[in-house]
C-alpha atoms as a PDB file:
ATOM      1  CA  MET A   1       0.003   0.296   0.436  1.00  0.00           C
ATOM      2  CA  ILE A   2       2.439   2.259   0.887  1.00  0.00           C
ATOM      3  CA  ARG A   3       4.218   2.016  -2.484  1.00  0.00           C
ATOM      4  CA  TRP A   4       1.246   3.067  -4.382  1.00  0.00           C
ATOM      5  CA  LEU A   5       0.493   5.972  -1.874  1.00  0.00           C
ATOM      6  CA  PRO A   6       2.790   8.402  -4.211  1.00  0.00           C
ATOM      7  CA  LEU A   7       1.069   7.122  -7.398  1.00  0.00           C
ATOM      8  CA  LEU A   8      -2.622   8.097  -5.608  1.00  0.00           C
ATOM      9  CA  LEU A   9      -1.018  11.564  -4.946  1.00  0.00           C
ATOM     10  CA  LEU A  10       0.013  12.302  -8.493  1.00  0.00           C
ATOM     11  CA  PRO A  11      -3.657  13.768  -9.781  1.00  0.00           C
ATOM     12  CA  LEU A  12      -3.521  16.407  -6.826  1.00  0.00           C
ATOM     13  CA  ALA A  13       0.220  17.780  -7.296  1.00  0.00           C
ATOM     14  CA  GLY A  14      -1.964  19.302 -10.053  1.00  0.00           C
ATOM     15  CA  CYS A  15      -4.681  21.227  -8.165  1.00  0.00           C
ATOM     16  CA  VAL A  16      -1.786  23.496  -6.610  1.00  0.00           C
ATOM     17  CA  ASP A  17      -1.724  26.649  -7.601  1.00  0.00           C
ATOM     18  CA  GLU A  18       1.798  27.599  -8.690  1.00  0.00           C
ATOM     19  CA  PRO A  19       2.276  31.483  -8.505  1.00  0.00           C
ATOM     20  CA  GLY A  20       2.721  33.266 -11.193  1.00  0.00           C
ATOM     21  CA  PRO A  21       5.464  35.635 -12.879  1.00  0.00           C
ATOM     22  CA  ASP A  22       5.593  38.637 -10.417  1.00  0.00           C
ATOM     23  CA  PRO A  23       3.816  41.352 -12.422  1.00  0.00           C
ATOM     24  CA  CYS A  24       6.041  44.156 -10.760  1.00  0.00           C
ATOM     25  CA  GLU A  25       9.531  42.174 -11.723  1.00  0.00           C
ATOM     26  CA  GLU A  26       8.095  41.917 -15.776  1.00  0.00           C
ATOM     27  CA  MET A  27       7.256  45.505 -15.157  1.00  0.00           C
ATOM     28  CA  CYS A  28      10.893  46.490 -14.204  1.00  0.00           C
ATOM     29  CA  VAL A  29      12.417  44.331 -16.897  1.00  0.00           C
ATOM     30  CA  ALA A  30       9.633  46.334 -19.647  1.00  0.00           C
ATOM     31  CA  ALA A  31      10.516  49.705 -17.869  1.00  0.00           C
ATOM     32  CA  GLU A  32      14.180  48.913 -18.261  1.00  0.00           C
ATOM     33  CA  ALA A  33      14.192  47.870 -22.334  1.00  0.00           C
ATOM     34  CA  LEU A  34      11.614  50.977 -22.723  1.00  0.00           C
ATOM     35  CA  TYR A  35      13.842  53.593 -21.165  1.00  0.00           C
ATOM     36  CA  GLY A  36      17.167  51.867 -22.067  1.00  0.00           C
ATOM     37  CA  GLY A  37      15.765  52.253 -25.512  1.00  0.00           C
ATOM     38  CA  CYS A  38      14.766  55.466 -24.837  1.00  0.00           C
ATOM     39  CA  LEU A  39      18.295  56.302 -23.661  1.00  0.00           C
ATOM     40  CA  THR A  40      19.730  55.334 -27.048  1.00  0.00           C
ATOM     41  CA  ASP A  41      17.541  57.697 -29.080  1.00  0.00           C
ATOM     42  CA  TRP A  42      18.501  60.182 -27.233  1.00  0.00           C
ATOM     43  CA  GLY A  43      22.288  59.604 -27.043  1.00  0.00           C
ATOM     44  CA  LEU A  44      22.693  58.978 -23.274  1.00  0.00           C
ATOM     45  CA  ASP A  45      23.642  56.135 -21.312  1.00  0.00           C
ATOM     46  CA  TRP A  46      22.651  54.707 -18.182  1.00  0.00           C
ATOM     47  CA  ALA A  47      25.110  56.676 -16.379  1.00  0.00           C
ATOM     48  CA  ALA A  48      23.441  59.901 -17.835  1.00  0.00           C
ATOM     49  CA  ALA A  49      20.113  58.740 -15.887  1.00  0.00           C
ATOM     50  CA  GLY A  50      22.233  57.867 -12.722  1.00  0.00           C
ATOM     51  CA  TYR A  51      22.611  54.266 -13.243  1.00  0.00           C
ATOM     52  CA  GLN A  52      25.722  52.194 -13.756  1.00  0.00           C
ATOM     53  CA  ASP A  53      23.669  50.064 -16.741  1.00  0.00           C
ATOM     54  CA  GLY A  54      20.620  48.232 -16.884  1.00  0.00           C
ATOM     55  CA  ASP A  55      21.128  45.506 -14.260  1.00  0.00           C
ATOM     56  CA  ASP A  56      21.485  49.058 -11.431  1.00  0.00           C
ATOM     57  CA  PHE A  57      17.981  49.988 -13.179  1.00  0.00           C
ATOM     58  CA  LEU A  58      16.536  46.845 -12.596  1.00  0.00           C
ATOM     59  CA  ASP A  59      17.640  46.542  -9.026  1.00  0.00           C
ATOM     60  CA  ALA A  60      16.370  50.060  -8.407  1.00  0.00           C
ATOM     61  CA  CYS A  61      13.229  49.198  -9.923  1.00  0.00           C
ATOM     62  CA  ASP A  62      12.857  45.885  -7.730  1.00  0.00           C
ATOM     63  CA  THR A  63      13.971  48.154  -4.850  1.00  0.00           C
ATOM     64  CA  TRP A  64      10.766  50.320  -5.498  1.00  0.00           C
ATOM     65  CA  ALA A  65       7.979  47.268  -6.140  1.00  0.00           C
ATOM     66  CA  TRP A  66       9.265  45.694  -2.659  1.00  0.00           C
ATOM     67  CA  GLU A  67       9.012  48.996  -0.368  1.00  0.00           C
ATOM     68  CA  MET A  68       5.977  50.199  -1.995  1.00  0.00           C
ATOM     69  CA  ARG A  69       4.662  46.912  -1.260  1.00  0.00           C
ATOM     70  CA  LEU A  70       5.678  46.646   2.496  1.00  0.00           C
ATOM     71  CA  LEU A  71       4.301  50.792   2.787  1.00  0.00           C
ATOM     72  CA  GLU A  72       1.278  48.890   0.800  1.00  0.00           C
ATOM     73  CA  GLU A  73       0.970  46.561   3.767  1.00  0.00           C
ATOM     74  CA  ALA A  74       1.697  48.782   6.634  1.00  0.00           C
ATOM     75  CA  ALA A  75      -1.541  50.914   5.249  1.00  0.00           C
ATOM     76  CA  GLY A  76      -3.802  47.434   5.421  1.00  0.00           C
ATOM     77  CA  GLU A  77      -4.076  47.977   1.709  1.00  0.00           C
ATOM     78  CA  SER A  78      -3.564  45.134  -0.699  1.00  0.00           C
ATOM     79  CA  GLY A  79      -3.207  44.266  -4.594  1.00  0.00           C
ATOM     80  CA  ALA A  80      -3.194  47.971  -5.318  1.00  0.00           C
ATOM     81  CA  VAL A  81       0.607  47.739  -6.037  1.00  0.00           C
ATOM     82  CA  ASP A  82       0.538  44.856  -8.367  1.00  0.00           C
ATOM     83  CA  ASP A  83      -2.237  46.313 -10.291  1.00  0.00           C
ATOM     84  CA  THR A  84      -0.051  49.079 -10.794  1.00  0.00           C
ATOM     85  CA  CYS A  85       2.844  46.888 -12.241  1.00  0.00           C
ATOM     86  CA  GLU A  86       0.375  45.400 -14.529  1.00  0.00           C
ATOM     87  CA  ALA A  87      -0.817  48.756 -16.418  1.00  0.00           C
ATOM     88  CA  ARG A  88       2.864  49.951 -15.920  1.00  0.00           C
ATOM     89  CA  GLU A  89       3.850  46.986 -17.849  1.00  0.00           C
ATOM     90  CA  ALA A  90       1.504  46.975 -20.753  1.00  0.00           C
ATOM     91  CA  SER A  91       1.914  50.607 -21.508  1.00  0.00           C
ATOM     92  CA  PHE A  92       5.885  50.227 -21.393  1.00  0.00           C
ATOM     93  CA  VAL A  93       5.964  47.601 -23.884  1.00  0.00           C
ATOM     94  CA  ASP A  94       6.060  48.858 -27.327  1.00  0.00           C
ATOM     95  CA  GLY A  95       4.890  52.069 -25.806  1.00  0.00           C
ATOM     96  CA  PRO A  96       6.369  55.750 -26.011  1.00  0.00           C
ATOM     97  CA  CYS A  97       9.404  56.931 -24.240  1.00  0.00           C
ATOM     98  CA  GLU A  98       6.265  59.193 -22.507  1.00  0.00           C
ATOM     99  CA  ALA A  99       5.163  56.161 -21.095  1.00  0.00           C
ATOM    100  CA  PHE A 100       8.498  55.938 -18.711  1.00  0.00           C
ATOM    101  CA  THR A 101       8.949  59.342 -18.438  1.00  0.00           C
ATOM    102  CA  ASP A 102       5.597  60.342 -17.247  1.00  0.00           C
ATOM    103  CA  THR A 103       5.376  57.672 -14.583  1.00  0.00           C
ATOM    104  CA  PRO A 104       4.712  59.448 -11.347  1.00  0.00           C
ATOM    105  CA  TRP A 105       7.093  56.707  -9.270  1.00  0.00           C
ATOM    106  CA  SER A 106       6.898  58.585  -6.183  1.00  0.00           C
ATOM    107  CA  ASP A 107       2.983  58.162  -5.987  1.00  0.00           C
ATOM    108  CA  PHE A 108       1.646  55.692  -3.668  1.00  0.00           C
ATOM    109  CA  PRO A 109      -0.900  53.426  -5.487  1.00  0.00           C
ATOM    110  CA  TRP A 110      -3.514  53.036  -3.033  1.00  0.00           C
ATOM    111  CA  VAL A 111      -4.079  56.012  -2.420  1.00  0.00           C
ATOM    112  CA  PRO A 112      -7.089  57.304  -4.759  1.00  0.00           C
ATOM    113  CA  GLU A 113      -5.190  60.970  -5.464  1.00  0.00           C
ATOM    114  CA  ASP A 114      -2.170  59.236  -6.780  1.00  0.00           C
ATOM    115  CA  THR A 115      -3.961  57.198  -8.786  1.00  0.00           C
ATOM    116  CA  GLY A 116      -6.440  59.351 -10.119  1.00  0.00           C
ATOM    117  CA  ALA A 117      -9.407  57.038  -9.194  1.00  0.00           C
ATOM    118  CA  THR A 118     -12.046  59.272  -6.624  1.00  0.00           C
ATOM    119  CA  GLY A 119     -14.024  57.690  -3.783  1.00  0.00           C
END
């Protein structure tokens, strides 16, 4: 009986929800690609933007997401940072440079005044 137990549990393995990709990590990758391309178009490099290179930018973006999630949790909120990351990623993929440069990075996504939402 014990030998067959793993085979009996195998169908249950498919029932476990695997977490999907981190929306903020995907946003950061899209932001790095867009902003890096914009810098090149403008004849600039990452140093002109205050970063050593694209990896340094990714580290800063990941830190932004981590900090926002901590602040969101402390404010008793949930989900706004991930929603913001998803929306920003969509605007960054094949977007114009303004999609990045007009992004309000210092706004708190869970605060209605900072998102443009009402209520």
